[in-house]
PDB file of N, CA and C in Angstrom:
ATOM      1  N   MET A   1      -3.219 -16.350 -31.623  1.00  0.00           N
ATOM      2  CA  MET A   1      -4.072 -16.404 -30.449  1.00  0.00           C
ATOM      3  C   MET A   1      -3.242 -16.491 -29.164  1.00  0.00           C
ATOM      4  N   ASP A   2      -2.092 -17.181 -29.237  1.00  0.00           N
ATOM      5  CA  ASP A   2      -1.240 -17.308 -28.065  1.00  0.00           C
ATOM      6  C   ASP A   2      -0.689 -15.954 -27.613  1.00  0.00           C
ATOM      7  N   ILE A   3      -0.408 -15.083 -28.573  1.00  0.00           N
ATOM      8  CA  ILE A   3       0.114 -13.765 -28.227  1.00  0.00           C
ATOM      9  C   ILE A   3      -0.935 -12.959 -27.462  1.00  0.00           C
ATOM     10  N   VAL A   4      -2.177 -13.079 -27.854  1.00  0.00           N
ATOM     11  CA  VAL A   4      -3.254 -12.367 -27.165  1.00  0.00           C
ATOM     12  C   VAL A   4      -3.383 -12.874 -25.725  1.00  0.00           C
ATOM     13  N   ILE A   5      -3.297 -14.177 -25.531  1.00  0.00           N
ATOM     14  CA  ILE A   5      -3.385 -14.745 -24.180  1.00  0.00           C
ATOM     15  C   ILE A   5      -2.204 -14.270 -23.327  1.00  0.00           C
ATOM     16  N   VAL A   6      -1.016 -14.222 -23.915  1.00  0.00           N
ATOM     17  CA  VAL A   6       0.164 -13.736 -23.186  1.00  0.00           C
ATOM     18  C   VAL A   6      -0.036 -12.285 -22.764  1.00  0.00           C
ATOM     19  N   LEU A   7      -0.548 -11.454 -23.656  1.00  0.00           N
ATOM     20  CA  LEU A   7      -0.775 -10.050 -23.330  1.00  0.00           C
ATOM     21  C   LEU A   7      -1.844  -9.889 -22.243  1.00  0.00           C
ATOM     22  N   ILE A   8      -2.906 -10.675 -22.320  1.00  0.00           N
ATOM     23  CA  ILE A   8      -3.955 -10.619 -21.296  1.00  0.00           C
ATOM     24  C   ILE A   8      -3.388 -11.036 -19.945  1.00  0.00           C
ATOM     25  N   LEU A   9      -2.595 -12.106 -19.934  1.00  0.00           N
ATOM     26  CA  LEU A   9      -1.978 -12.544 -18.682  1.00  0.00           C
ATOM     27  C   LEU A   9      -1.028 -11.490 -18.120  1.00  0.00           C
ATOM     28  N   LEU A  10      -0.268 -10.823 -18.984  1.00  0.00           N
ATOM     29  CA  LEU A  10       0.632  -9.765 -18.532  1.00  0.00           C
ATOM     30  C   LEU A  10      -0.135  -8.615 -17.881  1.00  0.00           C
ATOM     31  N   VAL A  11      -1.165  -8.150 -18.559  1.00  0.00           N
ATOM     32  CA  VAL A  11      -1.943  -7.021 -18.026  1.00  0.00           C
ATOM     33  C   VAL A  11      -2.625  -7.417 -16.718  1.00  0.00           C
ATOM     34  N   PHE A  12      -3.213  -8.598 -16.690  1.00  0.00           N
ATOM     35  CA  PHE A  12      -3.879  -9.065 -15.474  1.00  0.00           C
ATOM     36  C   PHE A  12      -2.883  -9.185 -14.322  1.00  0.00           C
ATOM     37  N   GLY A  13      -1.699  -9.728 -14.593  1.00  0.00           N
ATOM     38  CA  GLY A  13      -0.683  -9.874 -13.561  1.00  0.00           C
ATOM     39  C   GLY A  13      -0.219  -8.547 -13.004  1.00  0.00           C
ATOM     40  N   VAL A  14       0.005  -7.576 -13.867  1.00  0.00           N
ATOM     41  CA  VAL A  14       0.442  -6.255 -13.418  1.00  0.00           C
ATOM     42  C   VAL A  14      -0.656  -5.583 -12.597  1.00  0.00           C
ATOM     43  N   VAL A  15      -1.895  -5.669 -13.045  1.00  0.00           N
ATOM     44  CA  VAL A  15      -3.010  -5.059 -12.308  1.00  0.00           C
ATOM     45  C   VAL A  15      -3.146  -5.707 -10.928  1.00  0.00           C
ATOM     46  N   MET A  16      -3.043  -7.005 -10.859  1.00  0.00           N
ATOM     47  CA  MET A  16      -3.174  -7.693  -9.562  1.00  0.00           C
ATOM     48  C   MET A  16      -2.021  -7.333  -8.616  1.00  0.00           C
ATOM     49  N   LEU A  17      -0.808  -7.246  -9.137  1.00  0.00           N
ATOM     50  CA  LEU A  17       0.324  -6.896  -8.276  1.00  0.00           C
ATOM     51  C   LEU A  17       0.247  -5.453  -7.790  1.00  0.00           C
ATOM     52  N   VAL A  18      -0.170  -4.548  -8.647  1.00  0.00           N
ATOM     53  CA  VAL A  18      -0.327  -3.158  -8.219  1.00  0.00           C
ATOM     54  C   VAL A  18      -1.441  -3.048  -7.184  1.00  0.00           C
ATOM     55  N   ALA A  19      -2.541  -3.767  -7.395  1.00  0.00           N
ATOM     56  CA  ALA A  19      -3.624  -3.759  -6.410  1.00  0.00           C
ATOM     57  C   ALA A  19      -3.140  -4.337  -5.079  1.00  0.00           C
ATOM     58  N   GLU A  20      -2.345  -5.373  -5.141  1.00  0.00           N
ATOM     59  CA  GLU A  20      -1.831  -5.983  -3.905  1.00  0.00           C
ATOM     60  C   GLU A  20      -0.849  -5.058  -3.191  1.00  0.00           C
ATOM     61  N   LEU A  21      -0.014  -4.394  -3.944  1.00  0.00           N
ATOM     62  CA  LEU A  21       0.990  -3.527  -3.335  1.00  0.00           C
ATOM     63  C   LEU A  21       0.383  -2.289  -2.690  1.00  0.00           C
ATOM     64  N   PHE A  22      -0.616  -1.695  -3.332  1.00  0.00           N
ATOM     65  CA  PHE A  22      -1.079  -0.390  -2.891  1.00  0.00           C
ATOM     66  C   PHE A  22      -2.506  -0.350  -2.354  1.00  0.00           C
ATOM     67  N   LEU A  23      -3.328  -1.308  -2.674  1.00  0.00           N
ATOM     68  CA  LEU A  23      -4.723  -1.219  -2.267  1.00  0.00           C
ATOM     69  C   LEU A  23      -5.130  -2.268  -1.253  1.00  0.00           C
ATOM     70  N   LEU A  24      -4.581  -3.446  -1.351  1.00  0.00           N
ATOM     71  CA  LEU A  24      -4.973  -4.547  -0.474  1.00  0.00           C
ATOM     72  C   LEU A  24      -3.858  -4.832   0.518  1.00  0.00           C
ATOM     73  N   PRO A  25      -4.193  -5.007   1.777  1.00  0.00           N
ATOM     74  CA  PRO A  25      -3.137  -5.258   2.770  1.00  0.00           C
ATOM     75  C   PRO A  25      -2.608  -6.685   2.707  1.00  0.00           C
ATOM     76  N   GLY A  26      -1.335  -6.852   3.044  1.00  0.00           N
ATOM     77  CA  GLY A  26      -0.753  -8.191   3.141  1.00  0.00           C
ATOM     78  C   GLY A  26      -0.425  -8.794   1.794  1.00  0.00           C
ATOM     79  N   PHE A  27       0.050 -10.015   1.831  1.00  0.00           N
ATOM     80  CA  PHE A  27       0.345 -10.749   0.601  1.00  0.00           C
ATOM     81  C   PHE A  27      -0.702 -11.839   0.479  1.00  0.00           C
ATOM     82  N   GLY A  28      -1.746 -11.562  -0.258  1.00  0.00           N
ATOM     83  CA  GLY A  28      -2.874 -12.474  -0.325  1.00  0.00           C
ATOM     84  C   GLY A  28      -3.148 -12.965  -1.724  1.00  0.00           C
ATOM     85  N   ALA A  29      -4.406 -13.164  -1.996  1.00  0.00           N
ATOM     86  CA  ALA A  29      -4.843 -13.777  -3.251  1.00  0.00           C
ATOM     87  C   ALA A  29      -4.469 -12.939  -4.468  1.00  0.00           C
ATOM     88  N   ALA A  30      -4.586 -11.629  -4.368  1.00  0.00           N
ATOM     89  CA  ALA A  30      -4.269 -10.783  -5.523  1.00  0.00           C
ATOM     90  C   ALA A  30      -2.773 -10.849  -5.854  1.00  0.00           C
ATOM     91  N   GLY A  31      -1.931 -10.857  -4.845  1.00  0.00           N
ATOM     92  CA  GLY A  31      -0.491 -10.953  -5.090  1.00  0.00           C
ATOM     93  C   GLY A  31      -0.096 -12.284  -5.689  1.00  0.00           C
ATOM     94  N   ILE A  32      -0.669 -13.345  -5.150  1.00  0.00           N
ATOM     95  CA  ILE A  32      -0.371 -14.678  -5.686  1.00  0.00           C
ATOM     96  C   ILE A  32      -0.883 -14.796  -7.112  1.00  0.00           C
ATOM     97  N   ALA A  33      -2.092 -14.286  -7.366  1.00  0.00           N
ATOM     98  CA  ALA A  33      -2.649 -14.329  -8.719  1.00  0.00           C
ATOM     99  C   ALA A  33      -1.798 -13.509  -9.683  1.00  0.00           C
ATOM    100  N   GLY A  34      -1.303 -12.372  -9.234  1.00  0.00           N
ATOM    101  CA  GLY A  34      -0.458 -11.547 -10.096  1.00  0.00           C
ATOM    102  C   GLY A  34       0.854 -12.217 -10.441  1.00  0.00           C
ATOM    103  N   VAL A  35       1.513 -12.798  -9.440  1.00  0.00           N
ATOM    104  CA  VAL A  35       2.794 -13.480  -9.685  1.00  0.00           C
ATOM    105  C   VAL A  35       2.581 -14.693 -10.592  1.00  0.00           C
ATOM    106  N   LEU A  36       1.553 -15.477 -10.318  1.00  0.00           N
ATOM    107  CA  LEU A  36       1.281 -16.648 -11.156  1.00  0.00           C
ATOM    108  C   LEU A  36       0.912 -16.249 -12.582  1.00  0.00           C
ATOM    109  N   SER A  37       0.175 -15.168 -12.725  1.00  0.00           N
ATOM    110  CA  SER A  37      -0.210 -14.706 -14.056  1.00  0.00           C
ATOM    111  C   SER A  37       1.007 -14.242 -14.852  1.00  0.00           C
ATOM    112  N   LEU A  38       1.891 -13.488 -14.211  1.00  0.00           N
ATOM    113  CA  LEU A  38       3.101 -13.056 -14.910  1.00  0.00           C
ATOM    114  C   LEU A  38       4.004 -14.242 -15.256  1.00  0.00           C
ATOM    115  N   ALA A  39       4.116 -15.185 -14.327  1.00  0.00           N
ATOM    116  CA  ALA A  39       4.927 -16.383 -14.605  1.00  0.00           C
ATOM    117  C   ALA A  39       4.322 -17.194 -15.738  1.00  0.00           C
ATOM    118  N   ALA A  40       3.008 -17.301 -15.761  1.00  0.00           N
ATOM    119  CA  ALA A  40       2.343 -18.041 -16.845  1.00  0.00           C
ATOM    120  C   ALA A  40       2.529 -17.336 -18.184  1.00  0.00           C
ATOM    121  N   ALA A  41       2.474 -16.015 -18.187  1.00  0.00           N
ATOM    122  CA  ALA A  41       2.656 -15.271 -19.432  1.00  0.00           C
ATOM    123  C   ALA A  41       4.069 -15.461 -19.984  1.00  0.00           C
ATOM    124  N   VAL A  42       5.067 -15.364 -19.119  1.00  0.00           N
ATOM    125  CA  VAL A  42       6.447 -15.522 -19.571  1.00  0.00           C
ATOM    126  C   VAL A  42       6.701 -16.961 -20.022  1.00  0.00           C
ATOM    127  N   THR A  43       6.198 -17.925 -19.250  1.00  0.00           N
ATOM    128  CA  THR A  43       6.377 -19.331 -19.617  1.00  0.00           C
ATOM    129  C   THR A  43       5.698 -19.647 -20.944  1.00  0.00           C
ATOM    130  N   MET A  44       4.475 -19.136 -21.100  1.00  0.00           N
ATOM    131  CA  MET A  44       3.754 -19.392 -22.353  1.00  0.00           C
ATOM    132  C   MET A  44       4.465 -18.735 -23.534  1.00  0.00           C
ATOM    133  N   ALA A  45       5.070 -17.580 -23.303  1.00  0.00           N
ATOM    134  CA  ALA A  45       5.800 -16.924 -24.386  1.00  0.00           C
ATOM    135  C   ALA A  45       7.027 -17.732 -24.789  1.00  0.00           C
ATOM    136  N   TYR A  46       7.733 -18.299 -23.799  1.00  0.00           N
ATOM    137  CA  TYR A  46       8.900 -19.120 -24.115  1.00  0.00           C
ATOM    138  C   TYR A  46       8.511 -20.444 -24.772  1.00  0.00           C
ATOM    139  N   VAL A  47       7.425 -21.051 -24.330  1.00  0.00           N
ATOM    140  CA  VAL A  47       7.081 -22.394 -24.797  1.00  0.00           C
ATOM    141  C   VAL A  47       6.244 -22.379 -26.077  1.00  0.00           C
ATOM    142  N   ARG A  48       5.205 -21.535 -26.122  1.00  0.00           N
ATOM    143  CA  ARG A  48       4.259 -21.614 -27.241  1.00  0.00           C
ATOM    144  C   ARG A  48       4.513 -20.583 -28.330  1.00  0.00           C
ATOM    145  N   VAL A  49       5.021 -19.405 -27.958  1.00  0.00           N
ATOM    146  CA  VAL A  49       5.192 -18.356 -28.957  1.00  0.00           C
ATOM    147  C   VAL A  49       6.620 -18.340 -29.511  1.00  0.00           C
ATOM    148  N   ALA A  50       7.595 -18.766 -28.717  1.00  0.00           N
ATOM    149  CA  ALA A  50       9.001 -18.717 -29.144  1.00  0.00           C
ATOM    150  C   ALA A  50       9.310 -19.545 -30.390  1.00  0.00           C
ATOM    151  N   PRO A  51       8.651 -20.680 -30.636  1.00  0.00           N
ATOM    152  CA  PRO A  51       8.950 -21.380 -31.895  1.00  0.00           C
ATOM    153  C   PRO A  51       8.638 -20.551 -33.138  1.00  0.00           C
ATOM    154  N   VAL A  52       7.639 -19.688 -33.047  1.00  0.00           N
ATOM    155  CA  VAL A  52       7.292 -18.829 -34.187  1.00  0.00           C
ATOM    156  C   VAL A  52       8.150 -17.569 -34.178  1.00  0.00           C
ATOM    157  N   TYR A  53       8.250 -16.936 -33.019  1.00  0.00           N
ATOM    158  CA  TYR A  53       9.051 -15.732 -32.847  1.00  0.00           C
ATOM    159  C   TYR A  53      10.103 -16.021 -31.777  1.00  0.00           C
ATOM    160  N   PRO A  54      11.343 -16.261 -32.146  1.00  0.00           N
ATOM    161  CA  PRO A  54      12.364 -16.672 -31.177  1.00  0.00           C
ATOM    162  C   PRO A  54      12.641 -15.641 -30.069  1.00  0.00           C
ATOM    163  N   TRP A  55      12.372 -14.395 -30.307  1.00  0.00           N
ATOM    164  CA  TRP A  55      12.631 -13.334 -29.335  1.00  0.00           C
ATOM    165  C   TRP A  55      11.466 -13.117 -28.379  1.00  0.00           C
ATOM    166  N   ALA A  56      10.367 -13.842 -28.532  1.00  0.00           N
ATOM    167  CA  ALA A  56       9.131 -13.571 -27.791  1.00  0.00           C
ATOM    168  C   ALA A  56       9.287 -13.772 -26.282  1.00  0.00           C
ATOM    169  N   GLY A  57      10.015 -14.782 -25.864  1.00  0.00           N
ATOM    170  CA  GLY A  57      10.177 -15.032 -24.435  1.00  0.00           C
ATOM    171  C   GLY A  57      10.925 -13.920 -23.738  1.00  0.00           C
ATOM    172  N   HIS A  58      12.053 -13.509 -24.332  1.00  0.00           N
ATOM    173  CA  HIS A  58      12.829 -12.417 -23.754  1.00  0.00           C
ATOM    174  C   HIS A  58      12.046 -11.105 -23.775  1.00  0.00           C
ATOM    175  N   ALA A  59      11.327 -10.877 -24.858  1.00  0.00           N
ATOM    176  CA  ALA A  59      10.534  -9.649 -24.967  1.00  0.00           C
ATOM    177  C   ALA A  59       9.411  -9.628 -23.930  1.00  0.00           C
ATOM    178  N   THR A  60       8.803 -10.773 -23.698  1.00  0.00           N
ATOM    179  CA  THR A  60       7.724 -10.838 -22.705  1.00  0.00           C
ATOM    180  C   THR A  60       8.258 -10.604 -21.308  1.00  0.00           C
ATOM    181  N   LEU A  61       9.381 -11.190 -20.998  1.00  0.00           N
ATOM    182  CA  LEU A  61       9.991 -10.975 -19.686  1.00  0.00           C
ATOM    183  C   LEU A  61      10.356  -9.499 -19.491  1.00  0.00           C
ATOM    184  N   ALA A  62      10.955  -8.891 -20.488  1.00  0.00           N
ATOM    185  CA  ALA A  62      11.308  -7.472 -20.406  1.00  0.00           C
ATOM    186  C   ALA A  62      10.051  -6.605 -20.316  1.00  0.00           C
ATOM    187  N   LEU A  63       9.023  -6.957 -21.079  1.00  0.00           N
ATOM    188  CA  LEU A  63       7.776  -6.203 -21.048  1.00  0.00           C
ATOM    189  C   LEU A  63       7.108  -6.288 -19.680  1.00  0.00           C
ATOM    190  N   ALA A  64       7.171  -7.453 -19.050  1.00  0.00           N
ATOM    191  CA  ALA A  64       6.584  -7.606 -17.713  1.00  0.00           C
ATOM    192  C   ALA A  64       7.288  -6.692 -16.717  1.00  0.00           C
ATOM    193  N   VAL A  65       8.597  -6.646 -16.763  1.00  0.00           N
ATOM    194  CA  VAL A  65       9.356  -5.791 -15.841  1.00  0.00           C
ATOM    195  C   VAL A  65       9.058  -4.319 -16.123  1.00  0.00           C
ATOM    196  N   VAL A  66       9.056  -3.937 -17.393  1.00  0.00           N
ATOM    197  CA  VAL A  66       8.796  -2.540 -17.754  1.00  0.00           C
ATOM    198  C   VAL A  66       7.378  -2.140 -17.371  1.00  0.00           C
ATOM    199  N   LEU A  67       6.400  -3.001 -17.612  1.00  0.00           N
ATOM    200  CA  LEU A  67       5.014  -2.693 -17.228  1.00  0.00           C
ATOM    201  C   LEU A  67       4.867  -2.526 -15.721  1.00  0.00           C
ATOM    202  N   LEU A  68       5.544  -3.357 -14.942  1.00  0.00           N
ATOM    203  CA  LEU A  68       5.489  -3.206 -13.485  1.00  0.00           C
ATOM    204  C   LEU A  68       6.098  -1.878 -13.045  1.00  0.00           C
ATOM    205  N   ILE A  69       7.219  -1.516 -13.617  1.00  0.00           N
ATOM    206  CA  ILE A  69       7.864  -0.252 -13.263  1.00  0.00           C
ATOM    207  C   ILE A  69       6.975   0.928 -13.645  1.00  0.00           C
ATOM    208  N   ILE A  70       6.401   0.892 -14.829  1.00  0.00           N
ATOM    209  CA  ILE A  70       5.518   1.978 -15.269  1.00  0.00           C
ATOM    210  C   ILE A  70       4.271   2.050 -14.400  1.00  0.00           C
ATOM    211  N   ALA A  71       3.690   0.914 -14.055  1.00  0.00           N
ATOM    212  CA  ALA A  71       2.478   0.910 -13.232  1.00  0.00           C
ATOM    213  C   ALA A  71       2.744   1.469 -11.845  1.00  0.00           C
ATOM    214  N   VAL A  72       3.853   1.092 -11.243  1.00  0.00           N
ATOM    215  CA  VAL A  72       4.193   1.618  -9.913  1.00  0.00           C
ATOM    216  C   VAL A  72       4.495   3.109 -10.001  1.00  0.00           C
ATOM    217  N   TRP A  73       5.240   3.538 -11.010  1.00  0.00           N
ATOM    218  CA  TRP A  73       5.543   4.950 -11.195  1.00  0.00           C
ATOM    219  C   TRP A  73       4.266   5.758 -11.403  1.00  0.00           C
ATOM    220  N   TRP A  74       3.364   5.280 -12.251  1.00  0.00           N
ATOM    221  CA  TRP A  74       2.105   5.978 -12.509  1.00  0.00           C
ATOM    222  C   TRP A  74       1.256   6.058 -11.251  1.00  0.00           C
ATOM    223  N   PHE A  75       1.226   4.988 -10.483  1.00  0.00           N
ATOM    224  CA  PHE A  75       0.420   4.983  -9.267  1.00  0.00           C
ATOM    225  C   PHE A  75       0.947   6.008  -8.261  1.00  0.00           C
ATOM    226  N   PHE A  76       2.266   6.119  -8.143  1.00  0.00           N
ATOM    227  CA  PHE A  76       2.824   7.109  -7.225  1.00  0.00           C
ATOM    228  C   PHE A  76       2.571   8.536  -7.701  1.00  0.00           C
ATOM    229  N   ARG A  77       2.488   8.739  -8.987  1.00  0.00           N
ATOM    230  CA  ARG A  77       2.239  10.076  -9.521  1.00  0.00           C
ATOM    231  C   ARG A  77       0.763  10.453  -9.470  1.00  0.00           C
ATOM    232  N   SER A  78      -0.139   9.506  -9.300  1.00  0.00           N
ATOM    233  CA  SER A  78      -1.571   9.787  -9.286  1.00  0.00           C
ATOM    234  C   SER A  78      -1.984  10.367  -7.940  1.00  0.00           C
ATOM    235  N   LYS A  79      -3.211  10.810  -7.857  1.00  0.00           N
ATOM    236  CA  LYS A  79      -3.748  11.386  -6.623  1.00  0.00           C
ATOM    237  C   LYS A  79      -4.117  10.315  -5.608  1.00  0.00           C
ATOM    238  N   ALA A  80      -4.115   9.065  -6.009  1.00  0.00           N
ATOM    239  CA  ALA A  80      -4.520   7.984  -5.102  1.00  0.00           C
ATOM    240  C   ALA A  80      -3.585   7.859  -3.915  1.00  0.00           C
ATOM    241  N   VAL A  81      -2.314   8.078  -4.119  1.00  0.00           N
ATOM    242  CA  VAL A  81      -1.353   7.963  -3.018  1.00  0.00           C
ATOM    243  C   VAL A  81      -1.593   9.068  -1.995  1.00  0.00           C
ATOM    244  N   GLU A  82      -1.927  10.265  -2.462  1.00  0.00           N
ATOM    245  CA  GLU A  82      -2.206  11.360  -1.538  1.00  0.00           C
ATOM    246  C   GLU A  82      -3.420  11.057  -0.667  1.00  0.00           C
ATOM    247  N   LYS A  83      -4.399  10.389  -1.209  1.00  0.00           N
ATOM    248  CA  LYS A  83      -5.592  10.040  -0.440  1.00  0.00           C
ATOM    249  C   LYS A  83      -5.303   8.930   0.568  1.00  0.00           C
ATOM    250  N   MET A  84      -4.365   8.058   0.263  1.00  0.00           N
ATOM    251  CA  MET A  84      -4.052   6.938   1.139  1.00  0.00           C
ATOM    252  C   MET A  84      -3.035   7.305   2.209  1.00  0.00           C
ATOM    253  N   ALA A  85      -2.184   8.278   1.936  1.00  0.00           N
ATOM    254  CA  ALA A  85      -1.070   8.587   2.834  1.00  0.00           C
ATOM    255  C   ALA A  85      -1.544   9.430   4.016  1.00  0.00           C
ATOM    256  N   LEU A  86      -0.926   9.197   5.143  1.00  0.00           N
ATOM    257  CA  LEU A  86      -1.183   9.989   6.336  1.00  0.00           C
ATOM    258  C   LEU A  86      -0.252  11.191   6.315  1.00  0.00           C
ATOM    259  N   ASP A  87      -0.835  12.384   6.293  1.00  0.00           N
ATOM    260  CA  ASP A  87       0.005  13.565   6.209  1.00  0.00           C
ATOM    261  C   ASP A  87      -0.199  14.531   7.376  1.00  0.00           C
ATOM    262  N   THR A  88      -0.761  14.060   8.459  1.00  0.00           N
ATOM    263  CA  THR A  88      -0.914  14.908   9.636  1.00  0.00           C
ATOM    264  C   THR A  88       0.268  14.714  10.570  1.00  0.00           C
ATOM    265  N   THR A  89       0.601  15.768  11.267  1.00  0.00           N
ATOM    266  CA  THR A  89       1.702  15.725  12.213  1.00  0.00           C
ATOM    267  C   THR A  89       1.146  15.877  13.616  1.00  0.00           C
ATOM    268  N   ILE A  90       1.543  15.016  14.495  1.00  0.00           N
ATOM    269  CA  ILE A  90       1.113  15.080  15.878  1.00  0.00           C
ATOM    270  C   ILE A  90       2.253  15.690  16.671  1.00  0.00           C
ATOM    271  N   SER A  91       1.965  16.827  17.285  1.00  0.00           N
ATOM    272  CA  SER A  91       3.009  17.492  18.050  1.00  0.00           C
ATOM    273  C   SER A  91       2.501  17.750  19.468  1.00  0.00           C
ATOM    274  N   SER A  92       2.510  16.728  20.266  1.00  0.00           N
ATOM    275  CA  SER A  92       2.100  16.860  21.655  1.00  0.00           C
ATOM    276  C   SER A  92       2.997  15.983  22.504  1.00  0.00           C
ATOM    277  N   SER A  93       3.024  16.290  23.787  1.00  0.00           N
ATOM    278  CA  SER A  93       3.830  15.486  24.683  1.00  0.00           C
ATOM    279  C   SER A  93       3.084  15.325  25.989  1.00  0.00           C
ATOM    280  N   VAL A  94       3.404  14.280  26.695  1.00  0.00           N
ATOM    281  CA  VAL A  94       2.774  13.979  27.967  1.00  0.00           C
ATOM    282  C   VAL A  94       3.882  13.766  28.983  1.00  0.00           C
ATOM    283  N   GLU A  95       3.760  14.435  30.111  1.00  0.00           N
ATOM    284  CA  GLU A  95       4.718  14.236  31.178  1.00  0.00           C
ATOM    285  C   GLU A  95       4.166  13.180  32.119  1.00  0.00           C
ATOM    286  N   LEU A  96       4.706  12.006  32.067  1.00  0.00           N
ATOM    287  CA  LEU A  96       4.207  10.941  32.928  1.00  0.00           C
ATOM    288  C   LEU A  96       4.864  10.973  34.297  1.00  0.00           C
ATOM    289  N   ALA A  97       6.121  11.039  34.330  1.00  0.00           N
ATOM    290  CA  ALA A  97       6.822  11.046  35.613  1.00  0.00           C
ATOM    291  C   ALA A  97       8.054  11.925  35.489  1.00  0.00           C
ATOM    292  N   ALA A  98       7.849  13.204  35.706  1.00  0.00           N
ATOM    293  CA  ALA A  98       8.973  14.124  35.630  1.00  0.00           C
ATOM    294  C   ALA A  98       9.826  13.964  36.883  1.00  0.00           C
ATOM    295  N   PRO A  99      11.106  14.199  36.799  1.00  0.00           N
ATOM    296  CA  PRO A  99      11.961  14.077  37.984  1.00  0.00           C
ATOM    297  C   PRO A  99      11.503  15.037  39.085  1.00  0.00           C
ATOM    298  N   GLY A 100      11.417  14.532  40.311  1.00  0.00           N
ATOM    299  CA  GLY A 100      11.048  15.362  41.448  1.00  0.00           C
ATOM    300  C   GLY A 100       9.556  15.397  41.742  1.00  0.00           C
ATOM    301  N   ARG A 101       8.719  14.855  40.883  1.00  0.00           N
ATOM    302  CA  ARG A 101       7.278  14.848  41.132  1.00  0.00           C
ATOM    303  C   ARG A 101       6.897  13.522  41.743  1.00  0.00           C
ATOM    304  N   LYS A 102       6.049  13.563  42.706  1.00  0.00           N
ATOM    305  CA  LYS A 102       5.652  12.346  43.384  1.00  0.00           C
ATOM    306  C   LYS A 102       4.413  11.750  42.726  1.00  0.00           C
ATOM    307  N   ILE A 103       4.253  10.441  42.895  1.00  0.00           N
ATOM    308  CA  ILE A 103       3.132   9.724  42.305  1.00  0.00           C
ATOM    309  C   ILE A 103       1.807  10.266  42.837  1.00  0.00           C
ATOM    310  N   GLU A 104       1.734  10.591  44.115  1.00  0.00           N
ATOM    311  CA  GLU A 104       0.493  11.099  44.691  1.00  0.00           C
ATOM    312  C   GLU A 104       0.068  12.390  43.994  1.00  0.00           C
ATOM    313  N   LYS A 105       1.035  13.242  43.716  1.00  0.00           N
ATOM    314  CA  LYS A 105       0.750  14.503  43.040  1.00  0.00           C
ATOM    315  C   LYS A 105       0.179  14.236  41.645  1.00  0.00           C
ATOM    316  N   LEU A 106       0.736  13.247  40.960  1.00  0.00           N
ATOM    317  CA  LEU A 106       0.229  12.896  39.636  1.00  0.00           C
ATOM    318  C   LEU A 106      -1.192  12.359  39.712  1.00  0.00           C
ATOM    319  N   GLU A 107      -1.482  11.541  40.750  1.00  0.00           N
ATOM    320  CA  GLU A 107      -2.833  11.003  40.904  1.00  0.00           C
ATOM    321  C   GLU A 107      -3.827  12.120  41.176  1.00  0.00           C
ATOM    322  N   GLN A 108      -3.458  13.102  41.979  1.00  0.00           N
ATOM    323  CA  GLN A 108      -4.349  14.232  42.259  1.00  0.00           C
ATOM    324  C   GLN A 108      -4.609  15.043  40.996  1.00  0.00           C
ATOM    325  N   GLU A 109      -3.580  15.267  40.218  1.00  0.00           N
ATOM    326  CA  GLU A 109      -3.752  16.010  38.969  1.00  0.00           C
ATOM    327  C   GLU A 109      -4.664  15.252  38.007  1.00  0.00           C
ATOM    328  N   ALA A 110      -4.532  13.933  37.968  1.00  0.00           N
ATOM    329  CA  ALA A 110      -5.389  13.126  37.096  1.00  0.00           C
ATOM    330  C   ALA A 110      -6.842  13.198  37.539  1.00  0.00           C
ATOM    331  N   GLU A 111      -7.086  13.169  38.858  1.00  0.00           N
ATOM    332  CA  GLU A 111      -8.453  13.274  39.361  1.00  0.00           C
ATOM    333  C   GLU A 111      -9.041  14.635  39.029  1.00  0.00           C
ATOM    334  N   GLN A 112      -8.241  15.686  39.129  1.00  0.00           N
ATOM    335  CA  GLN A 112      -8.729  17.022  38.803  1.00  0.00           C
ATOM    336  C   GLN A 112      -9.083  17.136  37.330  1.00  0.00           C
ATOM    337  N   MET A 113      -8.311  16.489  36.481  1.00  0.00           N
ATOM    338  CA  MET A 113      -8.608  16.544  35.049  1.00  0.00           C
ATOM    339  C   MET A 113      -9.879  15.775  34.709  1.00  0.00           C
ATOM    340  N   ASN A 114     -10.199  14.730  35.457  1.00  0.00           N
ATOM    341  CA  ASN A 114     -11.374  13.918  35.183  1.00  0.00           C
ATOM    342  C   ASN A 114     -12.658  14.531  35.717  1.00  0.00           C
ATOM    343  N   GLN A 115     -12.581  15.499  36.620  1.00  0.00           N
ATOM    344  CA  GLN A 115     -13.770  16.134  37.164  1.00  0.00           C
ATOM    345  C   GLN A 115     -14.373  17.048  36.105  1.00  0.00           C
ATOM    346  N   PRO A 116     -15.724  17.060  36.027  1.00  0.00           N
ATOM    347  CA  PRO A 116     -16.353  17.942  35.034  1.00  0.00           C
ATOM    348  C   PRO A 116     -16.137  19.403  35.411  1.00  0.00           C
ATOM    349  N   THR A 117     -15.953  20.207  34.429  1.00  0.00           N
ATOM    350  CA  THR A 117     -15.734  21.625  34.676  1.00  0.00           C
ATOM    351  C   THR A 117     -17.074  22.327  34.825  1.00  0.00           C
ATOM    352  N   LYS A 118     -17.130  23.297  35.680  1.00  0.00           N
ATOM    353  CA  LYS A 118     -18.357  24.056  35.902  1.00  0.00           C
ATOM    354  C   LYS A 118     -18.407  25.207  34.924  1.00  0.00           C
ATOM    355  N   LYS A 119     -19.583  25.362  34.316  1.00  0.00           N
ATOM    356  CA  LYS A 119     -19.765  26.459  33.374  1.00  0.00           C
ATOM    357  C   LYS A 119     -20.127  27.715  34.166  1.00  0.00           C
ATOM    358  N   PRO A 120     -19.605  28.836  33.757  1.00  0.00           N
ATOM    359  CA  PRO A 120     -19.952  30.077  34.445  1.00  0.00           C
ATOM    360  C   PRO A 120     -21.429  30.407  34.249  1.00  0.00           C
ATOM    361  N   ALA A 121     -22.064  30.924  35.274  1.00  0.00           N
ATOM    362  CA  ALA A 121     -23.489  31.270  35.195  1.00  0.00           C
ATOM    363  C   ALA A 121     -23.667  32.468  34.275  1.00  0.00           C
ATOM    364  N   LYS A 122     -24.754  32.431  33.506  1.00  0.00           N
ATOM    365  CA  LYS A 122     -25.040  33.530  32.588  1.00  0.00           C
ATOM    366  C   LYS A 122     -25.637  34.686  33.376  1.00  0.00           C
ATOM    367  N   LYS A 123     -25.182  35.847  33.070  1.00  0.00           N
ATOM    368  CA  LYS A 123     -25.731  37.049  33.700  1.00  0.00           C
ATOM    369  C   LYS A 123     -26.840  37.593  32.820  1.00  0.00           C
ATOM    370  N   SER A 124     -27.955  37.911  33.466  1.00  0.00           N
ATOM    371  CA  SER A 124     -29.053  38.429  32.666  1.00  0.00           C
ATOM    372  C   SER A 124     -29.328  39.873  32.940  1.00  0.00           C
TER     373      SER A 124
END
């Protein structure tokens, strides 16, 4: 039964850390829950499962690291990253104060840009 609890804690910890890294902003409840869950799984493997299986603690620690690496790799390969990533390029520039231009000239240009444009009259 202890092995099942260790495996559940491992899976829960990895899911929470992946959710924290890629879906939820900041380091909040999901990240803390994931770290605590992984620590509890490794500790429980060393304390409760190791007397029966001496290699269980080391295997659990290695499994936690491998599961995290696989989960992050899988997440980057999925379409979810493409939906979250910004892939537009902004290619524009604004001349605020070019050398040789006076502030008054800039203010006049700004006023002209703010005036509504007149639509040409339709010919019938």
